[in-house]
């Protein structure tokens, strides 16, 4: 069946002018996502995932999003606007990094609070007033950093909400060794010890099997 489908696609492409053919893959998406901006601010994230993020935020309506990894702040601004659109009263984004590159970019967005001493120094007591918490792990992507952040913030995630682990795609890009196994190694180790989380295939497979930069990374807390 697969071979027949491939032959059919090749037959169709044979009659398609070269400049009208469609061609993309994880590597072309990777290079393209480096150019993404939001409100003119660099916002490096796969476009597939941006679509899913706005759906998840509409579904969960978190009043706190903890974003581990700020970079230049484009994503934090995007989340802030979504909270405005969905009228999430008192909602905040706690965006954590080890530098303050985003300070100027997010200065006019009252929902965004920057923390620039890294995720290890973040005070969990700051989350006590919030009822629905969503966590995004998007820091260094090394196994060690990812599993450390996952373990620290897992208990904060509200049942029905998510811990989203970014950039497991590094394995698909043959960079697993560079990141010491990367986010996927961390996810494989984390899930057997945290039965309260499952991989939500609804998001991972929306555009095709793991057609996301967050491979097996949409972790839903079910209890």
N, C-alpha and C. Protein backbone atom coordinates (compact mmCIF):
# COMPACT_ATOMS: atom_id res chain seq x y z
N UNK A 1 0.83 -1.20 0.00
CA UNK A 1 0.00 0.00 0.00
C UNK A 1 0.86 1.25 0.00
N UNK A 2 1.91 1.26 0.84
CA UNK A 2 2.79 2.42 0.92
C UNK A 2 3.51 2.64 -0.41
N UNK A 3 3.99 1.53 -1.01
CA UNK A 3 4.71 1.64 -2.28
C UNK A 3 3.79 2.20 -3.37
N UNK A 4 2.53 1.77 -3.37
CA UNK A 4 1.57 2.26 -4.35
C UNK A 4 1.33 3.76 -4.18
N UNK A 5 1.26 4.20 -2.91
CA UNK A 5 1.06 5.63 -2.64
C UNK A 5 2.26 6.45 -3.11
N UNK A 6 3.47 5.92 -2.87
CA UNK A 6 4.68 6.62 -3.30
C UNK A 6 4.71 6.74 -4.81
N UNK A 7 4.36 5.63 -5.51
CA UNK A 7 4.34 5.67 -6.98
C UNK A 7 3.34 6.69 -7.50
N UNK A 8 2.20 6.78 -6.81
CA UNK A 8 1.16 7.72 -7.23
C UNK A 8 1.65 9.15 -7.07
N UNK A 9 2.32 9.43 -5.93
CA UNK A 9 2.85 10.77 -5.69
C UNK A 9 3.89 11.13 -6.73
N UNK A 10 4.78 10.17 -7.04
CA UNK A 10 5.81 10.42 -8.06
C UNK A 10 5.19 10.70 -9.41
N UNK A 11 4.10 9.94 -9.74
CA UNK A 11 3.41 10.15 -11.00
C UNK A 11 2.81 11.55 -11.07
N UNK A 12 2.21 11.97 -9.95
CA UNK A 12 1.61 13.32 -9.92
C UNK A 12 2.69 14.40 -10.08
N UNK A 13 3.79 14.21 -9.34
CA UNK A 13 4.87 15.21 -9.39
C UNK A 13 5.51 15.29 -10.76
N UNK A 14 5.50 14.16 -11.49
CA UNK A 14 6.14 14.13 -12.79
C UNK A 14 5.52 15.15 -13.73
N UNK A 15 4.22 15.36 -13.58
CA UNK A 15 3.54 16.32 -14.44
C UNK A 15 3.41 17.70 -13.84
N UNK A 16 4.03 17.94 -12.68
CA UNK A 16 3.94 19.23 -12.01
C UNK A 16 5.16 20.08 -12.35
N UNK A 17 4.97 21.32 -12.80
CA UNK A 17 6.12 22.19 -13.08
C UNK A 17 6.99 22.31 -11.84
N UNK A 18 8.31 22.34 -12.05
CA UNK A 18 9.25 22.33 -10.94
C UNK A 18 9.00 23.45 -9.95
N UNK A 19 8.66 24.64 -10.46
CA UNK A 19 8.48 25.79 -9.58
C UNK A 19 7.15 25.75 -8.83
N UNK A 20 6.31 24.73 -9.06
CA UNK A 20 5.04 24.61 -8.36
C UNK A 20 5.02 23.43 -7.38
N UNK A 21 6.11 22.69 -7.32
CA UNK A 21 6.15 21.54 -6.43
C UNK A 21 6.32 21.98 -4.98
N UNK A 22 5.77 21.19 -4.09
CA UNK A 22 5.88 21.45 -2.65
C UNK A 22 6.99 20.58 -2.07
N UNK A 23 7.88 21.21 -1.31
CA UNK A 23 8.97 20.45 -0.70
C UNK A 23 9.38 21.12 0.61
N UNK A 24 9.23 20.39 1.72
CA UNK A 24 9.77 20.86 2.99
C UNK A 24 10.00 19.65 3.89
N UNK A 25 10.86 19.84 4.87
CA UNK A 25 11.21 18.77 5.78
C UNK A 25 11.66 19.40 7.09
N UNK A 26 12.01 18.60 8.11
CA UNK A 26 12.40 19.19 9.41
C UNK A 26 13.52 20.21 9.30
N UNK A 27 14.47 19.98 8.39
CA UNK A 27 15.60 20.90 8.28
C UNK A 27 15.17 22.24 7.69
N UNK A 28 14.32 22.21 6.67
CA UNK A 28 13.86 23.48 6.09
C UNK A 28 12.98 24.24 7.08
N UNK A 29 12.18 23.50 7.86
CA UNK A 29 11.38 24.15 8.90
C UNK A 29 12.28 24.76 9.97
N UNK A 30 13.35 24.06 10.29
CA UNK A 30 14.28 24.56 11.31
C UNK A 30 14.89 25.89 10.87
N UNK A 31 15.35 25.95 9.63
CA UNK A 31 15.94 27.21 9.15
C UNK A 31 14.89 28.31 9.07
N UNK A 32 13.68 27.95 8.67
CA UNK A 32 12.62 28.95 8.56
C UNK A 32 12.19 29.50 9.90
N UNK A 33 12.15 28.64 10.92
CA UNK A 33 11.64 29.09 12.22
C UNK A 33 12.58 30.09 12.87
N UNK A 34 13.84 30.13 12.42
CA UNK A 34 14.78 31.11 12.96
C UNK A 34 14.40 32.54 12.56
N UNK A 35 13.57 32.66 11.52
CA UNK A 35 13.21 33.98 10.99
C UNK A 35 11.88 34.50 11.52
N UNK A 36 11.21 33.71 12.33
CA UNK A 36 9.87 34.09 12.80
C UNK A 36 9.95 35.24 13.80
N UNK A 37 9.05 36.20 13.63
CA UNK A 37 8.91 37.30 14.58
C UNK A 37 7.44 37.42 14.98
N UNK A 38 7.21 38.05 16.11
CA UNK A 38 5.86 38.40 16.54
C UNK A 38 5.90 39.84 17.02
N UNK A 39 5.07 40.67 16.44
CA UNK A 39 5.09 42.10 16.72
C UNK A 39 6.49 42.68 16.51
N UNK A 40 7.19 42.13 15.55
CA UNK A 40 8.51 42.62 15.22
C UNK A 40 9.62 42.11 16.13
N UNK A 41 9.28 41.25 17.08
CA UNK A 41 10.28 40.71 18.02
C UNK A 41 10.55 39.25 17.65
N UNK A 42 11.82 38.88 17.64
CA UNK A 42 12.18 37.51 17.31
C UNK A 42 11.44 36.54 18.23
N UNK A 43 10.82 35.54 17.60
CA UNK A 43 9.98 34.59 18.34
C UNK A 43 10.22 33.20 17.77
N UNK A 44 11.38 32.65 18.07
CA UNK A 44 11.82 31.41 17.43
C UNK A 44 11.00 30.23 17.95
N UNK A 45 10.08 29.78 17.11
CA UNK A 45 9.26 28.61 17.46
C UNK A 45 8.63 28.09 16.18
N UNK A 46 8.47 26.79 16.07
CA UNK A 46 7.85 26.19 14.90
C UNK A 46 6.43 26.73 14.70
N UNK A 47 6.07 27.11 13.46
CA UNK A 47 4.72 27.65 13.22
C UNK A 47 3.62 26.66 13.57
N UNK A 48 3.87 25.36 13.39
CA UNK A 48 2.87 24.37 13.79
C UNK A 48 2.57 24.52 15.29
N UNK A 49 3.62 24.74 16.06
CA UNK A 49 3.45 24.81 17.51
C UNK A 49 2.77 26.10 17.94
N UNK A 50 3.01 27.19 17.22
CA UNK A 50 2.29 28.43 17.53
C UNK A 50 0.79 28.22 17.40
N UNK A 51 0.38 27.51 16.36
CA UNK A 51 -1.05 27.24 16.17
C UNK A 51 -1.60 26.44 17.34
N UNK A 52 -0.84 25.41 17.75
CA UNK A 52 -1.31 24.56 18.85
C UNK A 52 -1.30 25.27 20.18
N UNK A 53 -0.32 26.15 20.40
CA UNK A 53 -0.26 26.90 21.65
C UNK A 53 -1.53 27.73 21.85
N UNK A 54 -1.97 28.42 20.80
CA UNK A 54 -3.15 29.27 21.00
C UNK A 54 -4.38 28.42 21.27
N UNK A 55 -4.44 27.21 20.71
CA UNK A 55 -5.56 26.32 20.99
C UNK A 55 -5.50 25.80 22.42
N UNK A 56 -4.30 25.45 22.87
CA UNK A 56 -4.14 24.95 24.24
C UNK A 56 -4.49 26.03 25.25
N UNK A 57 -4.03 27.25 25.02
CA UNK A 57 -4.31 28.34 25.96
C UNK A 57 -5.81 28.65 25.99
N UNK A 58 -6.47 28.55 24.84
CA UNK A 58 -7.92 28.75 24.83
C UNK A 58 -8.63 27.64 25.59
N UNK A 59 -8.11 26.42 25.48
CA UNK A 59 -8.73 25.26 26.15
C UNK A 59 -8.50 25.29 27.66
N UNK A 60 -7.26 25.54 28.07
CA UNK A 60 -6.90 25.47 29.49
C UNK A 60 -7.20 26.76 30.22
N UNK A 61 -7.03 27.88 29.52
CA UNK A 61 -7.14 29.22 30.10
C UNK A 61 -6.29 29.35 31.38
N UNK A 62 -4.99 29.12 31.25
CA UNK A 62 -4.11 29.23 32.43
C UNK A 62 -4.02 30.67 32.91
N UNK A 63 -4.02 30.87 34.22
CA UNK A 63 -3.79 32.22 34.71
C UNK A 63 -2.31 32.45 35.03
N UNK A 64 -1.50 31.40 34.88
CA UNK A 64 -0.05 31.55 34.94
C UNK A 64 0.59 30.64 33.92
N UNK A 65 1.42 31.23 33.06
CA UNK A 65 2.27 30.47 32.15
C UNK A 65 3.71 30.69 32.61
N UNK A 66 4.38 29.61 32.95
CA UNK A 66 5.80 29.69 33.29
C UNK A 66 6.57 29.28 32.04
N UNK A 67 7.29 30.22 31.49
CA UNK A 67 8.08 30.00 30.28
C UNK A 67 9.55 29.95 30.66
N UNK A 68 10.15 28.77 30.55
CA UNK A 68 11.56 28.61 30.90
C UNK A 68 12.38 28.77 29.63
N UNK A 69 12.95 29.95 29.43
CA UNK A 69 13.65 30.29 28.21
C UNK A 69 12.95 31.44 27.51
N UNK A 70 13.46 32.65 27.69
CA UNK A 70 12.81 33.85 27.16
C UNK A 70 13.35 34.26 25.80
N UNK A 71 14.66 34.16 25.62
CA UNK A 71 15.35 34.68 24.45
C UNK A 71 15.02 36.17 24.30
N UNK A 72 14.44 36.58 23.18
CA UNK A 72 14.17 38.00 22.97
C UNK A 72 12.75 38.42 23.34
N UNK A 73 11.94 37.48 23.78
CA UNK A 73 10.64 37.84 24.34
C UNK A 73 9.45 37.75 23.41
N UNK A 74 9.64 37.36 22.15
CA UNK A 74 8.51 37.31 21.22
C UNK A 74 7.41 36.37 21.66
N UNK A 75 7.78 35.20 22.18
CA UNK A 75 6.78 34.23 22.62
C UNK A 75 6.03 34.74 23.84
N UNK A 76 6.74 35.38 24.77
CA UNK A 76 6.08 35.91 25.96
C UNK A 76 5.04 36.96 25.58
N UNK A 77 5.36 37.78 24.59
CA UNK A 77 4.41 38.80 24.13
C UNK A 77 3.20 38.11 23.48
N UNK A 78 3.45 37.07 22.71
CA UNK A 78 2.37 36.30 22.08
C UNK A 78 1.43 35.72 23.13
N UNK A 79 2.00 35.12 24.17
CA UNK A 79 1.16 34.56 25.23
C UNK A 79 0.38 35.66 25.95
N UNK A 80 0.99 36.81 26.14
CA UNK A 80 0.31 37.93 26.78
C UNK A 80 -0.90 38.36 25.96
N UNK A 81 -0.71 38.48 24.65
CA UNK A 81 -1.83 38.86 23.79
C UNK A 81 -2.94 37.82 23.81
N UNK A 82 -2.57 36.54 23.86
CA UNK A 82 -3.59 35.50 23.93
C UNK A 82 -4.39 35.59 25.22
N UNK A 83 -3.71 35.89 26.31
CA UNK A 83 -4.44 36.08 27.57
C UNK A 83 -5.42 37.24 27.47
N UNK A 84 -5.03 38.29 26.78
CA UNK A 84 -5.94 39.42 26.56
C UNK A 84 -7.13 38.98 25.72
N UNK A 85 -6.86 38.26 24.63
CA UNK A 85 -7.92 37.82 23.73
C UNK A 85 -8.93 36.93 24.45
N UNK A 86 -8.42 36.03 25.30
CA UNK A 86 -9.31 35.09 26.00
C UNK A 86 -9.78 35.62 27.34
N UNK A 87 -9.47 36.91 27.59
CA UNK A 87 -9.97 37.60 28.79
C UNK A 87 -9.65 36.82 30.07
N UNK A 88 -8.40 36.45 30.23
CA UNK A 88 -7.96 35.74 31.42
C UNK A 88 -7.55 36.78 32.47
N UNK A 89 -8.46 37.06 33.37
CA UNK A 89 -8.25 38.11 34.37
C UNK A 89 -7.07 37.76 35.28
N UNK A 90 -6.18 38.72 35.45
CA UNK A 90 -5.05 38.54 36.36
C UNK A 90 -3.98 37.59 35.85
N UNK A 91 -4.11 37.16 34.61
CA UNK A 91 -3.14 36.20 34.06
C UNK A 91 -1.75 36.81 33.91
N UNK A 92 -0.74 35.98 34.19
CA UNK A 92 0.64 36.44 34.08
C UNK A 92 1.48 35.41 33.33
N UNK A 93 2.57 35.91 32.74
CA UNK A 93 3.60 35.05 32.16
C UNK A 93 4.87 35.29 32.95
N UNK A 94 5.37 34.26 33.58
CA UNK A 94 6.66 34.35 34.27
C UNK A 94 7.69 33.73 33.33
N UNK A 95 8.47 34.60 32.71
CA UNK A 95 9.42 34.16 31.70
C UNK A 95 10.83 34.19 32.30
N UNK A 96 11.50 33.04 32.25
CA UNK A 96 12.74 32.84 32.99
C UNK A 96 13.90 32.63 32.03
N UNK A 97 15.02 33.32 32.28
CA UNK A 97 16.21 33.15 31.45
C UNK A 97 17.44 33.45 32.30
N UNK A 98 18.60 33.51 31.64
CA UNK A 98 19.83 33.87 32.35
C UNK A 98 20.40 35.18 31.81
N UNK A 99 19.62 35.88 31.01
CA UNK A 99 20.01 37.20 30.53
C UNK A 99 18.76 38.07 30.43
N UNK A 100 18.94 39.35 30.17
CA UNK A 100 17.78 40.27 30.11
C UNK A 100 17.62 40.86 28.71
N UNK A 101 17.92 40.07 27.67
CA UNK A 101 17.78 40.55 26.29
C UNK A 101 16.37 41.02 25.98
N UNK A 102 15.38 40.46 26.66
CA UNK A 102 13.99 40.76 26.34
C UNK A 102 13.44 41.96 27.09
N UNK A 103 14.19 42.50 28.04
CA UNK A 103 13.65 43.53 28.95
C UNK A 103 13.00 44.69 28.19
N UNK A 104 13.68 45.21 27.20
CA UNK A 104 13.14 46.35 26.45
C UNK A 104 11.93 45.94 25.63
N UNK A 105 11.96 44.74 25.08
CA UNK A 105 10.87 44.29 24.20
C UNK A 105 9.56 44.06 24.95
N UNK A 106 9.64 43.61 26.21
CA UNK A 106 8.42 43.27 26.95
C UNK A 106 8.00 44.36 27.93
N UNK A 107 8.71 45.48 27.93
CA UNK A 107 8.47 46.52 28.94
C UNK A 107 7.04 47.03 28.96
N UNK A 108 6.35 47.04 27.82
CA UNK A 108 4.99 47.59 27.75
C UNK A 108 3.91 46.53 27.98
N UNK A 109 4.31 45.33 28.37
CA UNK A 109 3.35 44.24 28.54
C UNK A 109 3.30 43.86 30.02
N UNK A 110 2.27 44.38 30.70
CA UNK A 110 2.20 44.24 32.15
C UNK A 110 2.07 42.78 32.61
N UNK A 111 1.54 41.93 31.77
CA UNK A 111 1.37 40.53 32.17
C UNK A 111 2.71 39.79 32.25
N UNK A 112 3.70 40.27 31.53
CA UNK A 112 4.99 39.56 31.43
C UNK A 112 5.92 39.98 32.55
N UNK A 113 6.34 39.03 33.36
CA UNK A 113 7.31 39.27 34.43
C UNK A 113 8.58 38.50 34.09
N UNK A 114 9.70 39.21 34.00
CA UNK A 114 10.97 38.58 33.66
C UNK A 114 11.74 38.18 34.90
N UNK A 115 12.37 37.00 34.82
CA UNK A 115 13.25 36.50 35.88
C UNK A 115 14.55 36.09 35.19
N UNK A 116 15.65 36.73 35.59
CA UNK A 116 16.88 36.56 34.82
C UNK A 116 18.00 35.86 35.61
N UNK A 117 17.63 35.10 36.63
CA UNK A 117 18.62 34.33 37.39
C UNK A 117 18.55 32.84 37.10
N UNK A 118 17.83 32.48 36.04
CA UNK A 118 17.72 31.07 35.67
C UNK A 118 16.62 30.33 36.43
N UNK A 119 16.21 29.18 35.87
CA UNK A 119 15.09 28.45 36.45
C UNK A 119 15.42 27.86 37.82
N UNK A 120 16.67 27.58 38.08
CA UNK A 120 17.03 27.00 39.38
C UNK A 120 16.79 27.97 40.53
N UNK A 121 16.87 29.27 40.24
CA UNK A 121 16.70 30.29 41.28
C UNK A 121 15.25 30.76 41.40
N UNK A 122 14.39 30.32 40.50
CA UNK A 122 12.99 30.78 40.54
C UNK A 122 12.31 30.30 41.82
N UNK A 123 11.61 31.22 42.49
CA UNK A 123 10.94 30.94 43.76
C UNK A 123 9.55 30.38 43.50
N UNK A 124 9.34 29.12 43.80
CA UNK A 124 8.05 28.47 43.55
C UNK A 124 6.91 29.10 44.35
N UNK A 125 7.24 29.80 45.42
CA UNK A 125 6.20 30.46 46.21
C UNK A 125 5.48 31.55 45.42
N UNK A 126 6.09 32.01 44.33
CA UNK A 126 5.47 33.04 43.50
C UNK A 126 4.23 32.53 42.77
N UNK A 127 4.03 31.22 42.78
CA UNK A 127 2.92 30.63 42.03
C UNK A 127 1.67 30.38 42.87
N UNK A 128 1.75 30.65 44.17
CA UNK A 128 0.69 30.21 45.08
C UNK A 128 -0.67 30.85 44.81
N UNK A 129 -0.70 32.04 44.28
CA UNK A 129 -1.99 32.72 44.09
C UNK A 129 -2.71 32.30 42.80
N UNK A 130 -2.07 31.47 41.99
CA UNK A 130 -2.64 31.11 40.70
C UNK A 130 -3.36 29.77 40.77
N UNK A 131 -4.42 29.63 39.96
CA UNK A 131 -5.26 28.44 40.01
C UNK A 131 -4.98 27.46 38.88
N UNK A 132 -4.60 27.96 37.71
CA UNK A 132 -4.38 27.09 36.55
C UNK A 132 -3.02 27.42 35.94
N UNK A 133 -2.09 26.50 36.06
CA UNK A 133 -0.71 26.77 35.67
C UNK A 133 -0.28 25.87 34.52
N UNK A 134 0.34 26.48 33.53
CA UNK A 134 0.91 25.78 32.38
C UNK A 134 2.40 26.06 32.36
N UNK A 135 3.21 25.04 32.13
CA UNK A 135 4.66 25.19 32.14
C UNK A 135 5.23 24.85 30.76
N UNK A 136 6.15 25.70 30.30
CA UNK A 136 6.83 25.48 29.02
C UNK A 136 8.32 25.39 29.29
N UNK A 137 8.92 24.24 29.00
CA UNK A 137 10.36 24.06 29.20
C UNK A 137 11.06 24.28 27.86
N UNK A 138 11.76 25.39 27.75
CA UNK A 138 12.39 25.78 26.47
C UNK A 138 13.74 26.44 26.75
N UNK A 139 14.53 25.80 27.60
CA UNK A 139 15.80 26.40 28.00
C UNK A 139 16.94 25.92 27.11
N UNK A 140 17.90 25.22 27.66
CA UNK A 140 19.13 24.88 26.93
C UNK A 140 19.00 23.63 26.06
N UNK A 141 17.95 22.83 26.27
CA UNK A 141 17.66 21.62 25.51
C UNK A 141 18.62 20.46 25.79
N UNK A 142 19.57 20.63 26.68
CA UNK A 142 20.39 19.49 27.07
C UNK A 142 19.54 18.58 27.95
N UNK A 143 19.91 17.31 27.98
CA UNK A 143 19.21 16.37 28.84
C UNK A 143 19.22 16.85 30.29
N UNK A 144 20.40 17.25 30.77
CA UNK A 144 20.56 17.61 32.18
C UNK A 144 19.67 18.80 32.55
N UNK A 145 19.68 19.83 31.71
CA UNK A 145 18.87 21.02 31.99
C UNK A 145 17.38 20.69 31.90
N UNK A 146 17.01 19.93 30.89
CA UNK A 146 15.60 19.61 30.69
C UNK A 146 15.02 18.79 31.83
N UNK A 147 15.70 17.72 32.21
CA UNK A 147 15.16 16.87 33.28
C UNK A 147 15.14 17.62 34.60
N UNK A 148 16.12 18.47 34.84
CA UNK A 148 16.14 19.26 36.06
C UNK A 148 14.95 20.20 36.16
N UNK A 149 14.66 20.89 35.08
CA UNK A 149 13.52 21.82 35.07
C UNK A 149 12.20 21.06 35.16
N UNK A 150 12.11 19.94 34.46
CA UNK A 150 10.87 19.15 34.51
C UNK A 150 10.57 18.70 35.94
N UNK A 151 11.59 18.22 36.61
CA UNK A 151 11.39 17.74 37.98
C UNK A 151 11.02 18.88 38.92
N UNK A 152 11.62 20.04 38.73
CA UNK A 152 11.33 21.17 39.63
C UNK A 152 9.90 21.67 39.47
N UNK A 153 9.41 21.73 38.23
CA UNK A 153 8.14 22.42 37.97
C UNK A 153 6.95 21.48 37.80
N UNK A 154 7.17 20.17 37.79
CA UNK A 154 6.09 19.22 37.51
C UNK A 154 4.91 19.36 38.47
N UNK A 155 5.20 19.53 39.75
CA UNK A 155 4.12 19.59 40.75
C UNK A 155 3.25 20.83 40.59
N UNK A 156 3.76 21.85 39.92
CA UNK A 156 2.99 23.08 39.75
C UNK A 156 1.90 22.96 38.70
N UNK A 157 2.09 22.05 37.75
CA UNK A 157 1.14 21.94 36.64
C UNK A 157 -0.22 21.49 37.16
N UNK A 158 -1.24 22.21 36.77
CA UNK A 158 -2.60 21.92 37.21
C UNK A 158 -3.16 20.71 36.45
N UNK A 159 -3.87 19.80 37.11
CA UNK A 159 -4.53 18.72 36.37
C UNK A 159 -5.39 19.28 35.23
N UNK A 160 -5.24 18.70 34.05
CA UNK A 160 -5.92 19.20 32.87
C UNK A 160 -5.07 20.17 32.06
N UNK A 161 -3.98 20.64 32.66
CA UNK A 161 -3.07 21.55 31.97
C UNK A 161 -1.85 20.76 31.49
N UNK A 162 -0.83 21.47 31.06
CA UNK A 162 0.29 20.84 30.37
C UNK A 162 1.65 21.30 30.87
N UNK A 163 2.61 20.38 30.75
CA UNK A 163 4.02 20.74 30.73
C UNK A 163 4.47 20.47 29.29
N UNK A 164 4.85 21.52 28.60
CA UNK A 164 5.24 21.40 27.20
C UNK A 164 6.77 21.45 27.13
N UNK A 165 7.35 20.37 26.65
CA UNK A 165 8.81 20.25 26.57
C UNK A 165 9.23 20.51 25.13
N UNK A 166 9.92 21.61 24.93
CA UNK A 166 10.27 22.06 23.59
C UNK A 166 11.50 21.33 23.02
N UNK A 167 11.51 21.26 21.70
CA UNK A 167 12.69 20.99 20.89
C UNK A 167 13.28 19.59 20.99
N UNK A 168 12.42 18.58 21.20
CA UNK A 168 12.87 17.22 21.00
C UNK A 168 13.29 16.96 19.56
N UNK A 169 12.96 17.90 18.66
CA UNK A 169 13.32 17.79 17.24
C UNK A 169 14.83 17.72 17.04
N UNK A 170 15.63 18.12 18.05
CA UNK A 170 17.09 18.09 17.88
C UNK A 170 17.58 16.68 17.53
N UNK A 171 16.88 15.66 18.00
CA UNK A 171 17.27 14.28 17.67
C UNK A 171 17.06 14.01 16.19
N UNK A 172 15.95 14.48 15.65
CA UNK A 172 15.64 14.30 14.23
C UNK A 172 16.67 15.03 13.36
N UNK A 173 17.25 16.09 13.91
CA UNK A 173 18.25 16.88 13.19
C UNK A 173 19.67 16.37 13.44
N UNK A 174 19.77 15.17 14.01
CA UNK A 174 21.06 14.50 14.27
C UNK A 174 21.93 15.29 15.25
N UNK A 175 21.30 15.94 16.23
CA UNK A 175 22.05 16.71 17.22
C UNK A 175 21.89 16.11 18.63
N UNK A 176 21.47 14.85 18.69
CA UNK A 176 21.23 14.20 19.98
C UNK A 176 22.50 14.19 20.84
N UNK A 177 23.62 13.87 20.24
CA UNK A 177 24.88 13.80 20.99
C UNK A 177 25.27 15.16 21.54
N UNK A 178 25.07 16.19 20.73
CA UNK A 178 25.41 17.57 21.15
C UNK A 178 24.66 17.97 22.41
N UNK A 179 23.42 17.49 22.53
CA UNK A 179 22.58 17.85 23.68
C UNK A 179 22.50 16.72 24.72
N UNK A 180 23.43 15.80 24.67
CA UNK A 180 23.54 14.71 25.65
C UNK A 180 22.25 13.88 25.74
N UNK A 181 21.64 13.68 24.61
CA UNK A 181 20.36 12.95 24.58
C UNK A 181 19.17 13.87 24.47
N UNK A 182 19.34 15.12 24.87
CA UNK A 182 18.33 16.15 24.68
C UNK A 182 17.02 15.94 25.41
N UNK A 183 16.00 16.72 25.01
CA UNK A 183 14.70 16.64 25.67
C UNK A 183 14.05 15.26 25.61
N UNK A 184 14.25 14.53 24.52
CA UNK A 184 13.61 13.22 24.42
C UNK A 184 14.13 12.24 25.47
N UNK A 185 15.41 12.28 25.73
CA UNK A 185 15.95 11.43 26.80
C UNK A 185 15.33 11.80 28.13
N UNK A 186 15.17 13.11 28.37
CA UNK A 186 14.55 13.57 29.61
C UNK A 186 13.10 13.10 29.71
N UNK A 187 12.36 13.19 28.62
CA UNK A 187 10.96 12.76 28.62
C UNK A 187 10.86 11.26 28.89
N UNK A 188 11.73 10.48 28.24
CA UNK A 188 11.72 9.02 28.45
C UNK A 188 11.98 8.66 29.91
N UNK A 189 12.84 9.42 30.56
CA UNK A 189 13.16 9.15 31.96
C UNK A 189 12.07 9.66 32.89
N UNK A 190 11.45 10.76 32.53
CA UNK A 190 10.47 11.43 33.39
C UNK A 190 9.15 10.67 33.48
N UNK A 191 8.62 10.23 32.35
CA UNK A 191 7.27 9.69 32.32
C UNK A 191 7.05 8.45 33.20
N UNK A 192 7.96 7.48 33.21
CA UNK A 192 7.71 6.30 34.07
C UNK A 192 7.65 6.65 35.55
N UNK A 193 8.26 7.74 35.95
CA UNK A 193 8.26 8.15 37.36
C UNK A 193 7.13 9.12 37.68
N UNK A 194 6.44 9.60 36.65
CA UNK A 194 5.37 10.59 36.84
C UNK A 194 4.14 10.13 36.05
N UNK A 195 3.44 9.16 36.64
CA UNK A 195 2.29 8.57 35.97
C UNK A 195 1.13 9.56 35.83
N UNK A 196 1.25 10.69 36.50
CA UNK A 196 0.20 11.70 36.38
C UNK A 196 0.26 12.45 35.06
N UNK A 197 1.32 12.22 34.28
CA UNK A 197 1.48 12.86 32.97
C UNK A 197 1.39 11.82 31.85
N UNK A 198 0.77 12.23 30.74
CA UNK A 198 0.75 11.40 29.54
C UNK A 198 1.15 12.27 28.35
N UNK A 199 1.65 11.64 27.29
CA UNK A 199 1.89 12.34 26.03
C UNK A 199 0.54 12.53 25.35
N UNK A 200 0.16 13.76 25.11
CA UNK A 200 -1.13 14.04 24.47
C UNK A 200 -0.95 14.02 22.95
N UNK A 201 -1.31 12.89 22.34
CA UNK A 201 -1.10 12.71 20.91
C UNK A 201 -1.98 13.63 20.07
N UNK A 202 -3.02 14.16 20.67
CA UNK A 202 -3.88 15.10 19.94
C UNK A 202 -3.07 16.25 19.39
N UNK A 203 -2.11 16.72 20.19
CA UNK A 203 -1.26 17.83 19.75
C UNK A 203 -0.04 17.34 18.99
N UNK A 204 0.61 16.32 19.49
CA UNK A 204 1.84 15.84 18.85
C UNK A 204 1.60 15.43 17.39
N UNK A 205 0.42 14.88 17.11
CA UNK A 205 0.16 14.30 15.79
C UNK A 205 -0.82 15.10 14.96
N UNK A 206 -1.08 16.33 15.31
CA UNK A 206 -2.09 17.12 14.60
C UNK A 206 -1.79 17.27 13.11
N UNK A 207 -0.53 17.50 12.76
CA UNK A 207 -0.16 17.73 11.37
C UNK A 207 0.56 16.53 10.75
N UNK A 208 0.51 15.40 11.43
CA UNK A 208 1.26 14.21 11.04
C UNK A 208 1.96 13.68 12.27
N UNK A 209 2.43 12.45 12.23
CA UNK A 209 3.01 11.85 13.43
C UNK A 209 4.21 12.67 13.91
N UNK A 210 4.07 13.26 15.10
CA UNK A 210 5.10 14.11 15.70
C UNK A 210 5.58 15.19 14.74
N UNK A 211 4.66 15.75 13.96
CA UNK A 211 4.97 16.89 13.10
C UNK A 211 4.95 18.16 13.95
N UNK A 212 5.96 18.26 14.79
CA UNK A 212 6.09 19.33 15.76
C UNK A 212 7.56 19.40 16.14
N UNK A 213 8.02 20.56 16.61
CA UNK A 213 9.38 20.60 17.14
C UNK A 213 9.43 19.99 18.54
N UNK A 214 8.25 19.83 19.16
CA UNK A 214 8.16 19.33 20.53
C UNK A 214 7.80 17.84 20.50
N UNK A 215 8.70 17.04 19.98
CA UNK A 215 8.44 15.62 19.77
C UNK A 215 8.10 14.94 21.10
N UNK A 216 6.90 14.32 21.15
CA UNK A 216 6.39 13.69 22.39
C UNK A 216 6.43 14.67 23.57
N UNK A 217 6.36 15.96 23.26
CA UNK A 217 6.58 16.96 24.29
C UNK A 217 5.35 17.65 24.85
N UNK A 218 4.15 17.28 24.38
CA UNK A 218 2.93 17.86 24.94
C UNK A 218 2.44 16.93 26.05
N UNK A 219 2.89 17.19 27.26
CA UNK A 219 2.62 16.31 28.39
C UNK A 219 1.44 16.86 29.19
N UNK A 220 0.35 16.12 29.17
CA UNK A 220 -0.86 16.54 29.86
C UNK A 220 -0.90 15.91 31.24
N UNK A 221 -1.22 16.71 32.24
CA UNK A 221 -1.37 16.20 33.60
C UNK A 221 -2.81 15.73 33.77
N UNK A 222 -2.98 14.45 34.03
CA UNK A 222 -4.32 13.88 34.05
C UNK A 222 -4.86 13.66 35.45
N UNK A 223 -4.01 13.81 36.47
CA UNK A 223 -4.50 13.66 37.84
C UNK A 223 -3.57 14.37 38.80
